[in-house]
């Protein structure tokens, strides 16, 4: 099957949260409390794991800015075990474009696809404007479609998000690859005929594994970055 267009998730796919568990260490320090790295890592990993569960996703946190703030502040409140107010500080980092970092192979991949004339789009669950992240890295103009859940009143795996993006790219679903990190949400693209590539978790700022994307897209047989 020919693939000649690509959709990407943003968070934890194109970019990751800067610092990871060190966000807890840094924000606690700003509040006058020292938190051990190991303790911060344990709480951070628990928060991020819980955020990916069906129960949390079903709360509709990505349908509006208000719902996003409420749900994520509640998730980050687990860090208040170290100091009151830490959860609120962590949420402010969550929605700060400067607190997201690209994986090392993100930009080369996007530039390679764009340079080859491959239409690209974004389909992301979010309660805030991820375009600010794309603009920060100079990527926004590389995309022909940007579909954000809170602007459409639906979150992945809702079929309408994927079909809307495909229409904006001018491609039938079976010619489009969806690249993401979450089988519960990004995997929903399969139901409307897209092919899906799910990437395993890696540390923020490391290599994401986008060579596979280039190998799957028709005409980009090299797949090396």
Protein backbone atom coordinates (compact mmCIF):
# COMPACT_ATOMS: atom_id res chain seq x y z
CA UNK A 1 0.00 0.00 0.00
CA UNK A 2 1.35 3.42 -1.00
CA UNK A 3 1.95 5.91 1.81
CA UNK A 4 2.54 9.44 0.59
CA UNK A 5 1.35 11.62 3.48
CA UNK A 6 2.05 11.63 7.22
CA UNK A 7 0.17 12.76 10.32
CA UNK A 8 1.99 13.28 13.61
CA UNK A 9 0.96 13.51 17.22
CA UNK A 10 2.93 16.26 19.00
CA UNK A 11 3.43 15.63 22.73
CA UNK A 12 5.74 12.68 23.40
CA UNK A 13 6.01 12.12 19.64
CA UNK A 14 7.64 15.20 18.08
CA UNK A 15 8.57 16.83 21.39
CA UNK A 16 8.89 15.79 25.02
CA UNK A 17 8.62 17.58 28.36
CA UNK A 18 11.92 19.29 29.09
CA UNK A 19 13.70 17.90 32.10
CA UNK A 20 11.34 15.04 32.83
CA UNK A 21 11.37 14.33 36.56
CA UNK A 22 13.76 17.20 37.13
CA UNK A 23 10.75 19.46 36.68
CA UNK A 24 9.74 18.36 40.19
CA UNK A 25 13.22 19.01 41.56
CA UNK A 26 13.42 22.46 39.97
CA UNK A 27 9.93 23.66 40.85
CA UNK A 28 10.21 22.33 44.41
CA UNK A 29 13.51 24.17 44.73
CA UNK A 30 11.82 27.38 43.63
CA UNK A 31 9.37 26.82 46.48
CA UNK A 32 12.22 26.33 48.93
CA UNK A 33 12.16 22.54 49.23
CA UNK A 34 14.89 20.06 48.25
CA UNK A 35 13.60 16.88 46.60
CA UNK A 36 15.86 13.90 45.94
CA UNK A 37 16.24 12.85 42.32
CA UNK A 38 15.04 9.31 43.02
CA UNK A 39 11.94 10.51 44.85
CA UNK A 40 11.13 12.97 42.08
CA UNK A 41 11.57 10.29 39.43
CA UNK A 42 9.20 7.91 41.22
CA UNK A 43 6.43 10.51 41.50
CA UNK A 44 6.95 11.84 37.97
CA UNK A 45 6.76 8.39 36.40
CA UNK A 46 3.60 7.61 38.37
CA UNK A 47 1.96 10.84 37.17
CA UNK A 48 2.83 10.25 33.53
CA UNK A 49 1.73 6.59 33.67
CA UNK A 50 -1.60 7.55 35.22
CA UNK A 51 -2.10 10.25 32.58
CA UNK A 52 -2.03 7.60 29.87
CA UNK A 53 -4.69 5.34 31.40
CA UNK A 54 -8.14 4.95 29.80
CA UNK A 55 -9.72 6.34 32.97
CA UNK A 56 -7.81 9.61 32.77
CA UNK A 57 -8.21 9.99 29.02
CA UNK A 58 -11.98 9.44 29.38
CA UNK A 59 -12.27 12.55 31.58
CA UNK A 60 -12.28 14.74 28.49
CA UNK A 61 -9.28 16.78 29.53
CA UNK A 62 -8.46 17.66 25.94
CA UNK A 63 -11.86 19.05 25.00
CA UNK A 64 -11.34 22.54 26.42
CA UNK A 65 -8.68 24.67 28.12
CA UNK A 66 -10.69 24.56 31.35
CA UNK A 67 -10.96 20.77 31.36
CA UNK A 68 -7.27 20.46 30.52
CA UNK A 69 -6.23 22.68 33.42
CA UNK A 70 -8.52 20.88 35.88
CA UNK A 71 -7.45 17.36 34.89
CA UNK A 72 -3.72 17.99 34.61
CA UNK A 73 -3.55 20.08 37.77
CA UNK A 74 -5.22 17.17 39.57
CA UNK A 75 -2.68 14.76 38.11
CA UNK A 76 0.27 16.93 39.06
CA UNK A 77 -1.18 17.41 42.57
CA UNK A 78 0.45 14.08 43.41
CA UNK A 79 3.68 16.11 43.66
CA UNK A 80 2.17 18.20 46.46
CA UNK A 81 3.41 15.45 48.75
CA UNK A 82 6.70 17.36 48.62
CA UNK A 83 5.34 20.90 49.03
CA UNK A 84 1.96 22.59 48.63
CA UNK A 85 1.52 24.32 45.28
CA UNK A 86 3.97 22.13 43.40
CA UNK A 87 1.24 20.60 41.27
CA UNK A 88 0.07 24.02 40.08
CA UNK A 89 3.63 24.98 39.21
CA UNK A 90 4.07 21.79 37.21
CA UNK A 91 0.91 22.50 35.26
CA UNK A 92 2.22 25.93 34.28
CA UNK A 93 5.28 24.17 32.86
CA UNK A 94 2.98 21.80 30.98
CA UNK A 95 1.45 24.63 28.94
CA UNK A 96 4.64 26.65 28.46
CA UNK A 97 5.96 26.18 24.88
CA UNK A 98 9.50 26.82 26.15
CA UNK A 99 9.26 23.71 28.36
CA UNK A 100 9.01 21.28 25.44
CA UNK A 101 12.08 19.97 23.61
CA UNK A 102 12.37 18.18 20.27
CA UNK A 103 13.84 14.73 19.90
CA UNK A 104 17.14 14.83 18.06
CA UNK A 105 15.73 13.33 14.85
CA UNK A 106 12.47 15.31 14.78
CA UNK A 107 13.61 18.28 12.72
CA UNK A 108 15.69 16.28 10.21
CA UNK A 109 12.69 14.02 9.62
CA UNK A 110 10.25 16.88 9.13
CA UNK A 111 12.66 18.69 6.82
CA UNK A 112 13.27 15.53 4.79
CA UNK A 113 9.57 14.89 4.32
CA UNK A 114 8.82 18.51 3.48
CA UNK A 115 11.72 18.69 1.08
CA UNK A 116 10.39 15.61 -0.72
CA UNK A 117 6.98 17.21 -1.10
CA UNK A 118 5.23 14.86 1.32
CA UNK A 119 2.09 16.47 2.83
CA UNK A 120 2.19 16.48 6.63
CA UNK A 121 -0.33 17.20 9.32
CA UNK A 122 -0.82 17.24 13.08
CA UNK A 123 -3.53 15.40 15.00
CA UNK A 124 -3.06 16.01 18.72
CA UNK A 125 -5.10 15.84 21.89
CA UNK A 126 -4.59 19.06 23.80
CA UNK A 127 -6.37 21.74 25.76
CA UNK A 128 -3.97 24.49 24.70
CA UNK A 129 -2.56 25.70 21.41
CA UNK A 130 0.29 23.41 20.39
CA UNK A 131 0.90 25.66 17.39
CA UNK A 132 2.98 27.76 19.78
CA UNK A 133 5.40 24.83 20.09
CA UNK A 134 5.55 24.38 16.32
CA UNK A 135 6.17 28.10 15.87
CA UNK A 136 8.93 28.10 18.47
CA UNK A 137 10.94 25.59 16.45
CA UNK A 138 10.05 27.05 13.05
CA UNK A 139 7.96 24.06 12.02
CA UNK A 140 4.45 25.44 11.67
CA UNK A 141 4.81 26.25 7.98
CA UNK A 142 5.88 22.66 7.28
CA UNK A 143 2.39 21.35 8.02
CA UNK A 144 -0.61 21.40 5.71
CA UNK A 145 -3.09 20.48 8.46
CA UNK A 146 -3.23 21.11 12.21
CA UNK A 147 -6.11 19.36 13.98
CA UNK A 148 -6.21 19.96 17.73
CA UNK A 149 -8.83 18.20 19.84
CA UNK A 150 -10.05 21.18 21.84
CA UNK A 151 -10.82 23.09 18.64
CA UNK A 152 -12.98 20.26 17.30
CA UNK A 153 -14.86 19.18 20.41
CA UNK A 154 -13.53 15.64 20.17
CA UNK A 155 -10.43 13.74 21.23
CA UNK A 156 -8.62 10.79 19.72
CA UNK A 157 -9.56 8.07 18.91
CA UNK A 158 -12.58 9.95 17.46
CA UNK A 159 -12.59 9.17 13.71
CA UNK A 160 -13.53 12.74 12.76
CA UNK A 161 -10.12 14.10 13.80
CA UNK A 162 -8.27 11.76 11.48
CA UNK A 163 -10.68 12.13 8.57
CA UNK A 164 -10.59 15.92 8.88
CA UNK A 165 -6.79 15.91 8.75
CA UNK A 166 -6.72 13.57 5.75
CA UNK A 167 -9.17 15.83 3.93
CA UNK A 168 -6.99 18.84 4.62
CA UNK A 169 -4.01 16.93 3.21
CA UNK A 170 -6.03 15.95 0.14
CA UNK A 171 -5.36 12.24 0.67
CA UNK A 172 -7.51 9.15 1.14
CA UNK A 173 -7.00 7.58 4.55
CA UNK A 174 -5.30 4.46 3.20
CA UNK A 175 -2.46 6.59 1.80
CA UNK A 176 -1.71 8.30 5.13
CA UNK A 177 0.54 7.20 7.99
CA UNK A 178 -0.32 8.26 11.55
CA UNK A 179 2.73 8.49 13.81
CA UNK A 180 2.16 8.61 17.57
CA UNK A 181 2.99 7.07 20.92
CA UNK A 182 -0.31 5.96 22.47
CA UNK A 183 -2.25 2.90 21.27
CA UNK A 184 -5.44 4.08 23.01
CA UNK A 185 -5.57 7.37 21.13
CA UNK A 186 -3.28 7.35 18.10
CA UNK A 187 -4.20 3.73 17.41
CA UNK A 188 -7.73 4.89 16.67
CA UNK A 189 -6.58 5.96 13.23
CA UNK A 190 -6.68 2.32 12.17
CA UNK A 191 -10.48 2.35 12.40
CA UNK A 192 -10.72 4.88 9.56
CA UNK A 193 -8.18 3.15 7.34
CA UNK A 194 -4.88 4.86 8.16
CA UNK A 195 -1.73 2.92 8.79
CA UNK A 196 -0.28 3.60 12.22
CA UNK A 197 3.26 3.69 13.58
CA UNK A 198 3.49 3.72 17.39
CA UNK A 199 6.87 4.70 18.81
CA UNK A 200 8.04 3.47 22.23
CA UNK A 201 8.81 5.95 24.99
CA UNK A 202 12.28 7.51 25.03
CA UNK A 203 13.85 10.24 27.15
CA UNK A 204 13.15 13.86 26.16
CA UNK A 205 15.82 15.22 23.84
CA UNK A 206 17.03 11.80 22.70
CA UNK A 207 16.58 10.06 19.35
CA UNK A 208 12.95 9.17 18.61
CA UNK A 209 13.34 6.55 15.88
CA UNK A 210 11.88 8.43 12.93
CA UNK A 211 14.04 6.51 10.44
CA UNK A 212 11.10 4.11 10.22
CA UNK A 213 8.81 6.90 9.02
CA UNK A 214 11.13 7.66 6.12
CA UNK A 215 11.33 3.98 5.19
CA UNK A 216 7.54 3.68 5.11
CA UNK A 217 6.83 6.73 2.97
CA UNK A 218 6.71 5.98 -0.74
CA UNK A 219 9.79 7.23 -2.58
CA UNK A 220 11.91 7.74 0.54
CA UNK A 221 13.64 4.38 0.49
CA UNK A 222 16.85 5.39 2.24
CA UNK A 223 15.35 6.07 5.64
CA UNK A 224 18.59 7.33 7.16
CA UNK A 225 19.03 10.59 9.06
